[in-house]
Amino acid sequence: MFNTKPKTILTASVLIVLSFSSSAQKSLCDTKQFYTPKDISSVISSKFPEPENVGFDVDDTLLFSTPSFVLGKAIFSINSDAWSHDANFWQQVNNDLLVYSKKKESMQKIINYHLKRDDNIYFITDRPRTNTEGLSSRLANDFNIPFYKRNVVIFKSYIDGVKRNKDYFIKRNNIAIYYGDSDSDIIHDRNTVLKLRVLRSAASQNQSHYHPGVYCEFIITDTDY
């Protein structure tokens, strides 16, 4: 597991300042700081005493989806990256190939914490929208989201002729807290959104754009499985 020895014991108020300060956003951190889910819940409870809108990335954050992607690539473009622009690939990955993706069990406790707070939970992904999708029901069922709390997955899509990604939908849905694994999940809007780094599985095929701690963000331990 990851080395947590560099961790410094700080008060919740100091941790919040560290996360939101402009100086932290502009610099790289010499020492990575890891925090347990319990540590993070204390920070959230202090900063956000009332229910909030909370967002979660999907791939490598909530789901270990490498098997689905590997199989999809083998079917549609085994020798190239054409799969990423193939609507048939995404149609399969968002539906039939979901069966090969695995829930990250470590994220259940975090989801439960937010449900207990009565937060509104949103799943926001950079996967493109497809004609049909089974991802919404898969995530809601896997993570035991009550029916009255369920929201459909928000996919990357065109709005008014403009391609909109996760950052747009985070703003549009007034997300106050966002969990993600990639650097792009963390870097933007950290002055207004609490961005929390989830660890990828070591078995993930996607190891690009992944530098936990580079933006001085909170890194949540034991979230790689």
C-alpha atoms as a PDB file:
ATOM      1  CA  MET A   1       0.000   0.000   0.000  1.00  0.00           C
ATOM      2  CA  PHE A   2       0.913   3.637  -0.187  1.00  0.00           C
ATOM      3  CA  ASN A   3       3.268   5.112   2.377  1.00  0.00           C
ATOM      4  CA  THR A   4       1.375   7.368   4.759  1.00  0.00           C
ATOM      5  CA  LYS A   5       4.344   8.306   6.935  1.00  0.00           C
ATOM      6  CA  PRO A   6       4.646  11.868   5.510  1.00  0.00           C
ATOM      7  CA  LYS A   7       1.145  12.644   6.754  1.00  0.00           C
ATOM      8  CA  THR A   8       0.969  15.635   9.061  1.00  0.00           C
ATOM      9  CA  ILE A   9      -1.714  15.924  11.707  1.00  0.00           C
ATOM     10  CA  LEU A  10      -3.581  19.126  10.949  1.00  0.00           C
ATOM     11  CA  THR A  11      -6.831  20.594  12.115  1.00  0.00           C
ATOM     12  CA  ALA A  12      -9.792  20.534   9.755  1.00  0.00           C
ATOM     13  CA  SER A  13      -9.623  24.301   9.326  1.00  0.00           C
ATOM     14  CA  VAL A  14      -5.959  24.181   8.321  1.00  0.00           C
ATOM     15  CA  LEU A  15      -6.659  21.378   5.863  1.00  0.00           C
ATOM     16  CA  ILE A  16      -9.396  23.398   4.228  1.00  0.00           C
ATOM     17  CA  VAL A  17      -7.126  26.397   3.857  1.00  0.00           C
ATOM     18  CA  LEU A  18      -4.480  24.170   2.284  1.00  0.00           C
ATOM     19  CA  SER A  19      -6.946  22.828  -0.245  1.00  0.00           C
ATOM     20  CA  PHE A  20      -8.467  26.124  -1.275  1.00  0.00           C
ATOM     21  CA  SER A  21      -5.523  28.506  -1.078  1.00  0.00           C
ATOM     22  CA  SER A  22      -4.412  30.029  -4.366  1.00  0.00           C
ATOM     23  CA  SER A  23      -0.764  29.441  -3.532  1.00  0.00           C
ATOM     24  CA  ALA A  24      -1.378  25.714  -3.199  1.00  0.00           C
ATOM     25  CA  GLN A  25      -3.141  25.700  -6.557  1.00  0.00           C
ATOM     26  CA  LYS A  26      -0.191  27.267  -8.368  1.00  0.00           C
ATOM     27  CA  SER A  27       2.600  25.129  -6.954  1.00  0.00           C
ATOM     28  CA  LEU A  28       3.691  21.526  -6.935  1.00  0.00           C
ATOM     29  CA  CYS A  29       3.888  19.738  -3.612  1.00  0.00           C
ATOM     30  CA  ASP A  30       7.210  18.372  -2.431  1.00  0.00           C
ATOM     31  CA  THR A  31       5.538  15.882  -0.104  1.00  0.00           C
ATOM     32  CA  LYS A  32       2.349  14.005  -0.905  1.00  0.00           C
ATOM     33  CA  GLN A  33      -0.233  14.032   1.815  1.00  0.00           C
ATOM     34  CA  PHE A  34      -2.605  11.083   2.239  1.00  0.00           C
ATOM     35  CA  TYR A  35      -5.830  11.153   4.243  1.00  0.00           C
ATOM     36  CA  THR A  36      -8.193   8.409   5.237  1.00  0.00           C
ATOM     37  CA  PRO A  37     -11.895   8.561   4.344  1.00  0.00           C
ATOM     38  CA  LYS A  38     -12.541   9.395   8.000  1.00  0.00           C
ATOM     39  CA  ASP A  39     -10.175  12.380   7.787  1.00  0.00           C
ATOM     40  CA  ILE A  40     -11.950  13.597   4.661  1.00  0.00           C
ATOM     41  CA  SER A  41     -15.392  13.220   6.220  1.00  0.00           C
ATOM     42  CA  SER A  42     -14.283  15.466   9.092  1.00  0.00           C
ATOM     43  CA  VAL A  43     -13.112  18.131   6.643  1.00  0.00           C
ATOM     44  CA  ILE A  44     -16.340  17.930   4.644  1.00  0.00           C
ATOM     45  CA  SER A  45     -18.536  18.082   7.740  1.00  0.00           C
ATOM     46  CA  SER A  46     -16.671  21.176   8.935  1.00  0.00           C
ATOM     47  CA  LYS A  47     -16.694  22.974   5.603  1.00  0.00           C
ATOM     48  CA  PHE A  48     -20.152  21.884   4.473  1.00  0.00           C
ATOM     49  CA  PRO A  49     -22.486  21.424   7.463  1.00  0.00           C
ATOM     50  CA  GLU A  50     -25.559  21.304   5.211  1.00  0.00           C
ATOM     51  CA  PRO A  51     -26.322  18.845   2.358  1.00  0.00           C
ATOM     52  CA  GLU A  52     -24.551  19.632  -0.894  1.00  0.00           C
ATOM     53  CA  ASN A  53     -24.363  18.434  -4.483  1.00  0.00           C
ATOM     54  CA  VAL A  54     -21.557  15.884  -4.724  1.00  0.00           C
ATOM     55  CA  GLY A  55     -20.056  14.607  -7.976  1.00  0.00           C
ATOM     56  CA  PHE A  56     -18.166  11.426  -8.777  1.00  0.00           C
ATOM     57  CA  ASP A  57     -16.148  10.546 -11.845  1.00  0.00           C
ATOM     58  CA  VAL A  58     -16.866   7.013 -13.102  1.00  0.00           C
ATOM     59  CA  ASP A  59     -13.946   5.186 -14.724  1.00  0.00           C
ATOM     60  CA  ASP A  60     -11.150   4.342 -12.252  1.00  0.00           C
ATOM     61  CA  THR A  61     -13.020   6.280  -9.570  1.00  0.00           C
ATOM     62  CA  LEU A  62     -16.161   4.194  -9.018  1.00  0.00           C
ATOM     63  CA  LEU A  63     -15.577   1.396 -11.506  1.00  0.00           C
ATOM     64  CA  PHE A  64     -12.535  -0.648 -12.454  1.00  0.00           C
ATOM     65  CA  SER A  65     -13.533  -0.578 -16.116  1.00  0.00           C
ATOM     66  CA  THR A  66     -10.296  -1.677 -17.762  1.00  0.00           C
ATOM     67  CA  PRO A  67     -11.711  -5.124 -18.721  1.00  0.00           C
ATOM     68  CA  SER A  68     -14.647  -3.500 -20.533  1.00  0.00           C
ATOM     69  CA  PHE A  69     -12.384  -1.133 -22.425  1.00  0.00           C
ATOM     70  CA  VAL A  70      -9.849  -3.821 -23.312  1.00  0.00           C
ATOM     71  CA  LEU A  71     -12.541  -6.075 -24.725  1.00  0.00           C
ATOM     72  CA  GLY A  72     -14.159  -3.197 -26.584  1.00  0.00           C
ATOM     73  CA  LYS A  73     -10.851  -2.222 -28.137  1.00  0.00           C
ATOM     74  CA  ALA A  74     -10.234  -5.817 -29.196  1.00  0.00           C
ATOM     75  CA  ILE A  75     -13.596  -5.872 -30.937  1.00  0.00           C
ATOM     76  CA  PHE A  76     -13.540  -2.483 -32.653  1.00  0.00           C
ATOM     77  CA  SER A  77      -9.935  -1.325 -33.127  1.00  0.00           C
ATOM     78  CA  ILE A  78      -7.357  -3.682 -31.721  1.00  0.00           C
ATOM     79  CA  ASN A  79      -4.415  -2.088 -33.560  1.00  0.00           C
ATOM     80  CA  SER A  80      -5.321   1.593 -33.303  1.00  0.00           C
ATOM     81  CA  ASP A  81      -6.913   4.276 -31.160  1.00  0.00           C
ATOM     82  CA  ALA A  82      -9.885   4.587 -33.512  1.00  0.00           C
ATOM     83  CA  TRP A  83     -12.095   3.135 -30.759  1.00  0.00           C
ATOM     84  CA  SER A  84     -12.183   6.475 -28.945  1.00  0.00           C
ATOM     85  CA  HIS A  85     -14.104   8.018 -31.850  1.00  0.00           C
ATOM     86  CA  ASP A  86     -16.228   4.969 -32.660  1.00  0.00           C
ATOM     87  CA  ALA A  87     -19.870   5.347 -31.638  1.00  0.00           C
ATOM     88  CA  ASN A  88     -20.303   1.555 -31.750  1.00  0.00           C
ATOM     89  CA  PHE A  89     -17.510   1.110 -29.222  1.00  0.00           C
ATOM     90  CA  TRP A  90     -19.104   3.516 -26.768  1.00  0.00           C
ATOM     91  CA  GLN A  91     -22.549   2.015 -27.316  1.00  0.00           C
ATOM     92  CA  GLN A  92     -21.170  -1.360 -26.238  1.00  0.00           C
ATOM     93  CA  VAL A  93     -19.079  -0.038 -23.346  1.00  0.00           C
ATOM     94  CA  ASN A  94     -22.088   1.871 -21.985  1.00  0.00           C
ATOM     95  CA  ASN A  95     -24.291  -1.221 -22.225  1.00  0.00           C
ATOM     96  CA  ASP A  96     -23.386  -4.864 -22.847  1.00  0.00           C
ATOM     97  CA  LEU A  97     -19.708  -4.623 -21.895  1.00  0.00           C
ATOM     98  CA  LEU A  98     -20.548  -3.141 -18.484  1.00  0.00           C
ATOM     99  CA  VAL A  99     -20.760  -6.666 -17.143  1.00  0.00           C
ATOM    100  CA  TYR A 100     -16.965  -6.859 -17.297  1.00  0.00           C
ATOM    101  CA  SER A 101     -16.442  -3.735 -15.175  1.00  0.00           C
ATOM    102  CA  LYS A 102     -16.029  -4.127 -11.438  1.00  0.00           C
ATOM    103  CA  LYS A 103     -17.318  -1.917  -8.678  1.00  0.00           C
ATOM    104  CA  LYS A 104     -14.590  -0.370  -6.504  1.00  0.00           C
ATOM    105  CA  GLU A 105     -15.720  -1.579  -3.103  1.00  0.00           C
ATOM    106  CA  SER A 106     -13.673   1.044  -1.265  1.00  0.00           C
ATOM    107  CA  MET A 107     -15.966   3.766  -2.596  1.00  0.00           C
ATOM    108  CA  GLN A 108     -19.087   2.330  -0.992  1.00  0.00           C
ATOM    109  CA  LYS A 109     -18.233   3.779   2.426  1.00  0.00           C
ATOM    110  CA  ILE A 110     -17.728   7.209   0.868  1.00  0.00           C
ATOM    111  CA  ILE A 111     -21.043   6.991  -0.971  1.00  0.00           C
ATOM    112  CA  ASN A 112     -22.732   5.870   2.256  1.00  0.00           C
ATOM    113  CA  TYR A 113     -21.281   8.855   4.098  1.00  0.00           C
ATOM    114  CA  HIS A 114     -22.766  11.274   1.574  1.00  0.00           C
ATOM    115  CA  LEU A 115     -26.125   9.518   1.564  1.00  0.00           C
ATOM    116  CA  LYS A 116     -26.211   9.791   5.360  1.00  0.00           C
ATOM    117  CA  ARG A 117     -25.580  13.533   5.000  1.00  0.00           C
ATOM    118  CA  ASP A 118     -28.511  13.674   2.561  1.00  0.00           C
ATOM    119  CA  ASP A 119     -26.227  15.007  -0.181  1.00  0.00           C
ATOM    120  CA  ASN A 120     -27.362  14.872  -3.793  1.00  0.00           C
ATOM    121  CA  ILE A 121     -25.107  12.505  -5.736  1.00  0.00           C
ATOM    122  CA  TYR A 122     -24.186  12.990  -9.393  1.00  0.00           C
ATOM    123  CA  PHE A 123     -22.146  10.679 -11.602  1.00  0.00           C
ATOM    124  CA  ILE A 124     -20.263  12.719 -14.212  1.00  0.00           C
ATOM    125  CA  THR A 125     -18.170  11.050 -16.909  1.00  0.00           C
ATOM    126  CA  ASP A 126     -16.170  11.986 -19.976  1.00  0.00           C
ATOM    127  CA  ARG A 127     -17.694   9.041 -21.808  1.00  0.00           C
ATOM    128  CA  PRO A 128     -19.807  10.311 -24.718  1.00  0.00           C
ATOM    129  CA  ARG A 129     -23.569  10.016 -24.635  1.00  0.00           C
ATOM    130  CA  THR A 130     -24.940   7.018 -26.555  1.00  0.00           C
ATOM    131  CA  ASN A 131     -28.377   6.075 -27.907  1.00  0.00           C
ATOM    132  CA  THR A 132     -28.996   3.891 -24.878  1.00  0.00           C
ATOM    133  CA  GLU A 133     -27.008   3.345 -21.694  1.00  0.00           C
ATOM    134  CA  GLY A 134     -27.032   0.974 -18.761  1.00  0.00           C
ATOM    135  CA  LEU A 135     -24.438   2.847 -16.741  1.00  0.00           C
ATOM    136  CA  SER A 136     -26.970   4.842 -14.696  1.00  0.00           C
ATOM    137  CA  SER A 137     -28.774   1.780 -13.380  1.00  0.00           C
ATOM    138  CA  ARG A 138     -25.520  -0.135 -12.922  1.00  0.00           C
ATOM    139  CA  LEU A 139     -24.004   2.560 -10.671  1.00  0.00           C
ATOM    140  CA  ALA A 140     -27.226   3.192  -8.765  1.00  0.00           C
ATOM    141  CA  ASN A 141     -27.664  -0.514  -8.048  1.00  0.00           C
ATOM    142  CA  ASP A 142     -23.996  -1.207  -7.295  1.00  0.00           C
ATOM    143  CA  PHE A 143     -23.767   1.626  -4.775  1.00  0.00           C
ATOM    144  CA  ASN A 144     -27.228   1.178  -3.258  1.00  0.00           C
ATOM    145  CA  ILE A 145     -28.524   4.626  -4.165  1.00  0.00           C
ATOM    146  CA  PRO A 146     -32.129   4.994  -2.947  1.00  0.00           C
ATOM    147  CA  PHE A 147     -34.636   5.444  -5.767  1.00  0.00           C
ATOM    148  CA  TYR A 148     -35.560   8.946  -4.642  1.00  0.00           C
ATOM    149  CA  LYS A 149     -31.881   9.937  -4.795  1.00  0.00           C
ATOM    150  CA  ARG A 150     -31.049   8.503  -8.210  1.00  0.00           C
ATOM    151  CA  ASN A 151     -29.833  10.721 -11.040  1.00  0.00           C
ATOM    152  CA  VAL A 152     -28.966   9.561 -14.534  1.00  0.00           C
ATOM    153  CA  VAL A 153     -25.281   9.619 -15.409  1.00  0.00           C
ATOM    154  CA  ILE A 154     -24.139  12.874 -16.971  1.00  0.00           C
ATOM    155  CA  PHE A 155     -22.213  12.122 -20.160  1.00  0.00           C
ATOM    156  CA  LYS A 156     -19.976  14.308 -22.277  1.00  0.00           C
ATOM    157  CA  SER A 157     -22.266  15.783 -24.924  1.00  0.00           C
ATOM    158  CA  TYR A 158     -22.963  18.688 -27.228  1.00  0.00           C
ATOM    159  CA  ILE A 159     -25.105  21.544 -25.914  1.00  0.00           C
ATOM    160  CA  ASP A 160     -25.984  24.377 -28.271  1.00  0.00           C
ATOM    161  CA  GLY A 161     -23.482  22.954 -30.724  1.00  0.00           C
ATOM    162  CA  VAL A 162     -20.604  23.016 -28.227  1.00  0.00           C
ATOM    163  CA  LYS A 163     -18.945  19.884 -26.833  1.00  0.00           C
ATOM    164  CA  ARG A 164     -19.298  19.994 -23.056  1.00  0.00           C
ATOM    165  CA  ASN A 165     -17.089  18.002 -20.708  1.00  0.00           C
ATOM    166  CA  LYS A 166     -17.090  17.261 -16.987  1.00  0.00           C
ATOM    167  CA  ASP A 167     -16.025  20.760 -15.918  1.00  0.00           C
ATOM    168  CA  TYR A 168     -19.065  22.294 -17.588  1.00  0.00           C
ATOM    169  CA  PHE A 169     -21.467  19.899 -15.877  1.00  0.00           C
ATOM    170  CA  ILE A 170     -19.774  20.313 -12.499  1.00  0.00           C
ATOM    171  CA  LYS A 171     -20.544  24.038 -12.724  1.00  0.00           C
ATOM    172  CA  ARG A 172     -23.996  23.569 -14.197  1.00  0.00           C
ATOM    173  CA  ASN A 173     -25.063  21.269 -11.370  1.00  0.00           C
ATOM    174  CA  ASN A 174     -23.520  23.390  -8.619  1.00  0.00           C
ATOM    175  CA  ILE A 175     -21.247  20.593  -7.479  1.00  0.00           C
ATOM    176  CA  ALA A 176     -19.508  21.532  -4.222  1.00  0.00           C
ATOM    177  CA  ILE A 177     -17.437  18.354  -3.760  1.00  0.00           C
ATOM    178  CA  TYR A 178     -15.995  16.233  -6.556  1.00  0.00           C
ATOM    179  CA  TYR A 179     -14.166  12.912  -6.459  1.00  0.00           C
ATOM    180  CA  GLY A 180     -11.942  11.871  -9.354  1.00  0.00           C
ATOM    181  CA  ASP A 181      -8.789   9.968 -10.220  1.00  0.00           C
ATOM    182  CA  SER A 182      -7.264  11.875 -13.149  1.00  0.00           C
ATOM    183  CA  ASP A 183      -5.310  15.109 -13.107  1.00  0.00           C
ATOM    184  CA  SER A 184      -8.050  16.752 -15.190  1.00  0.00           C
ATOM    185  CA  ASP A 185     -10.570  15.891 -12.463  1.00  0.00           C
ATOM    186  CA  ILE A 186      -8.539  17.874  -9.959  1.00  0.00           C
ATOM    187  CA  ILE A 187      -6.893  20.836 -11.644  1.00  0.00           C
ATOM    188  CA  HIS A 188      -9.853  23.051 -12.544  1.00  0.00           C
ATOM    189  CA  ASP A 189     -12.096  25.187 -10.298  1.00  0.00           C
ATOM    190  CA  ARG A 190     -10.398  24.209  -7.042  1.00  0.00           C
ATOM    191  CA  ASN A 191     -11.142  27.637  -5.625  1.00  0.00           C
ATOM    192  CA  THR A 192     -14.880  26.875  -5.734  1.00  0.00           C
ATOM    193  CA  VAL A 193     -15.085  23.067  -5.637  1.00  0.00           C
ATOM    194  CA  LEU A 194     -13.452  20.736  -3.122  1.00  0.00           C
ATOM    195  CA  LYS A 195     -11.591  18.291  -5.388  1.00  0.00           C
ATOM    196  CA  LEU A 196     -10.671  14.941  -3.858  1.00  0.00           C
ATOM    197  CA  ARG A 197      -8.227  12.497  -5.449  1.00  0.00           C
ATOM    198  CA  VAL A 198      -9.235   8.852  -5.662  1.00  0.00           C
ATOM    199  CA  LEU A 199      -6.489   6.287  -6.291  1.00  0.00           C
ATOM    200  CA  ARG A 200      -6.493   4.142  -9.411  1.00  0.00           C
ATOM    201  CA  SER A 201      -6.054   0.408  -9.319  1.00  0.00           C
ATOM    202  CA  ALA A 202      -2.509  -0.649 -10.148  1.00  0.00           C
ATOM    203  CA  ALA A 203      -4.134  -2.977 -12.692  1.00  0.00           C
ATOM    204  CA  SER A 204      -5.776  -0.117 -14.579  1.00  0.00           C
ATOM    205  CA  GLN A 205      -4.699   0.055 -18.196  1.00  0.00           C
ATOM    206  CA  ASN A 206      -4.969   3.824 -18.023  1.00  0.00           C
ATOM    207  CA  GLN A 207      -1.954   5.229 -16.189  1.00  0.00           C
ATOM    208  CA  SER A 208      -1.691   8.537 -18.063  1.00  0.00           C
ATOM    209  CA  HIS A 209      -2.575  11.948 -16.602  1.00  0.00           C
ATOM    210  CA  TYR A 210      -2.345  10.510 -13.116  1.00  0.00           C
ATOM    211  CA  HIS A 211      -0.105  12.258 -10.589  1.00  0.00           C
ATOM    212  CA  PRO A 212      -1.705  12.108  -7.134  1.00  0.00           C
ATOM    213  CA  GLY A 213      -0.688  15.039  -4.956  1.00  0.00           C
ATOM    214  CA  VAL A 214       0.757  17.185  -7.731  1.00  0.00           C
ATOM    215  CA  TYR A 215      -1.791  19.939  -7.052  1.00  0.00           C
ATOM    216  CA  CYS A 216      -1.591  19.661  -3.252  1.00  0.00           C
ATOM    217  CA  GLU A 217      -5.033  18.097  -3.277  1.00  0.00           C
ATOM    218  CA  PHE A 218      -6.373  15.657  -0.721  1.00  0.00           C
ATOM    219  CA  ILE A 219      -5.472  12.070  -1.648  1.00  0.00           C
ATOM    220  CA  ILE A 220      -7.799   9.474  -0.146  1.00  0.00           C
ATOM    221  CA  THR A 221      -6.043   6.314   0.988  1.00  0.00           C
ATOM    222  CA  ASP A 222      -7.262   2.797   0.241  1.00  0.00           C
ATOM    223  CA  THR A 223      -9.457   3.840  -2.663  1.00  0.00           C
ATOM    224  CA  ASP A 224      -7.592   1.820  -5.295  1.00  0.00           C
ATOM    225  CA  TYR A 225      -9.755  -1.281  -5.043  1.00  0.00           C
END
